[in-house]
N, C-alpha and C. Protein backbone atom coordinates (compact mmCIF):
# COMPACT_ATOMS: atom_id res chain seq x y z
N UNK A 1 80.49 140.68 106.11
CA UNK A 1 80.13 142.04 106.53
C UNK A 1 81.35 142.82 107.02
N UNK A 2 81.31 144.10 106.82
CA UNK A 2 82.41 144.98 107.23
C UNK A 2 81.96 145.79 108.44
N UNK A 3 82.83 145.87 109.44
CA UNK A 3 82.50 146.61 110.67
C UNK A 3 82.35 148.10 110.37
N UNK A 4 81.27 148.70 110.88
CA UNK A 4 81.03 150.14 110.74
C UNK A 4 81.39 150.86 112.04
N UNK A 5 81.22 150.19 113.17
CA UNK A 5 81.53 150.79 114.45
C UNK A 5 81.97 149.73 115.44
N UNK A 6 82.99 150.05 116.25
CA UNK A 6 83.52 149.11 117.24
C UNK A 6 83.67 149.86 118.57
N UNK A 7 83.23 149.23 119.65
CA UNK A 7 83.37 149.83 120.98
C UNK A 7 83.61 148.72 121.99
N UNK A 8 84.17 149.10 123.15
CA UNK A 8 84.34 148.15 124.24
C UNK A 8 83.89 148.82 125.53
N UNK A 9 83.56 148.00 126.53
CA UNK A 9 83.13 148.57 127.81
C UNK A 9 84.06 148.11 128.93
N UNK A 10 83.73 148.51 130.15
CA UNK A 10 84.60 148.20 131.29
C UNK A 10 84.49 146.75 131.76
N UNK A 11 83.65 145.96 131.12
CA UNK A 11 83.53 144.53 131.46
C UNK A 11 84.19 143.64 130.40
N UNK A 12 85.10 144.21 129.62
CA UNK A 12 85.80 143.48 128.54
C UNK A 12 84.84 142.91 127.51
N UNK A 13 83.77 143.64 127.21
CA UNK A 13 82.84 143.25 126.16
C UNK A 13 83.15 144.07 124.92
N UNK A 14 83.23 143.41 123.77
CA UNK A 14 83.49 144.09 122.51
C UNK A 14 82.19 144.14 121.72
N UNK A 15 81.80 145.33 121.29
CA UNK A 15 80.56 145.54 120.54
C UNK A 15 80.92 145.96 119.11
N UNK A 16 80.29 145.30 118.12
CA UNK A 16 80.56 145.61 116.72
C UNK A 16 79.24 145.78 115.99
N UNK A 17 79.13 146.87 115.23
CA UNK A 17 77.94 147.13 114.41
C UNK A 17 78.39 147.15 112.95
N UNK A 18 77.61 146.49 112.09
CA UNK A 18 77.95 146.48 110.67
C UNK A 18 76.68 146.51 109.83
N UNK A 19 76.86 146.73 108.54
CA UNK A 19 75.74 146.69 107.60
C UNK A 19 75.48 145.24 107.23
N UNK A 20 74.29 144.82 106.92
CA UNK A 20 73.03 145.56 107.01
C UNK A 20 72.37 145.33 108.36
N UNK A 21 72.52 146.25 109.28
CA UNK A 21 71.88 146.20 110.60
C UNK A 21 72.25 144.96 111.41
N UNK A 22 73.53 144.59 111.38
CA UNK A 22 74.01 143.46 112.18
C UNK A 22 74.68 144.00 113.44
N UNK A 23 74.47 143.31 114.55
CA UNK A 23 74.97 143.76 115.85
C UNK A 23 75.60 142.57 116.54
N UNK A 24 76.88 142.66 116.87
CA UNK A 24 77.61 141.56 117.49
C UNK A 24 78.10 141.97 118.87
N UNK A 25 78.11 141.00 119.79
CA UNK A 25 78.67 141.23 121.12
C UNK A 25 79.59 140.06 121.43
N UNK A 26 80.83 140.36 121.78
CA UNK A 26 81.82 139.35 122.15
C UNK A 26 82.22 139.56 123.60
N UNK A 27 82.14 138.50 124.40
CA UNK A 27 82.52 138.59 125.81
C UNK A 27 83.55 137.51 126.13
N UNK A 28 84.33 137.75 127.16
CA UNK A 28 85.29 136.74 127.62
C UNK A 28 84.56 135.71 128.45
N UNK A 29 84.95 134.46 128.27
CA UNK A 29 84.37 133.38 129.07
C UNK A 29 85.43 132.91 130.05
N UNK A 30 85.02 132.61 131.26
CA UNK A 30 85.95 132.13 132.28
C UNK A 30 86.49 130.76 131.88
N UNK A 31 87.78 130.56 132.07
CA UNK A 31 88.39 129.26 131.78
C UNK A 31 87.97 128.25 132.84
N UNK A 32 87.73 127.02 132.38
CA UNK A 32 87.33 125.99 133.35
C UNK A 32 88.47 125.06 133.67
C-alpha cells in the first residue's frame, strides 16, 4: 500500500492513511 496521508501528534505518534481504507498508528515504546 502507498501512503495517502501522514501526520504526527505531540505524543510522538505517527499516523498513516492509505488505500484501500487502511489506517496505521506507530508509537514509541519505552526501552526496558
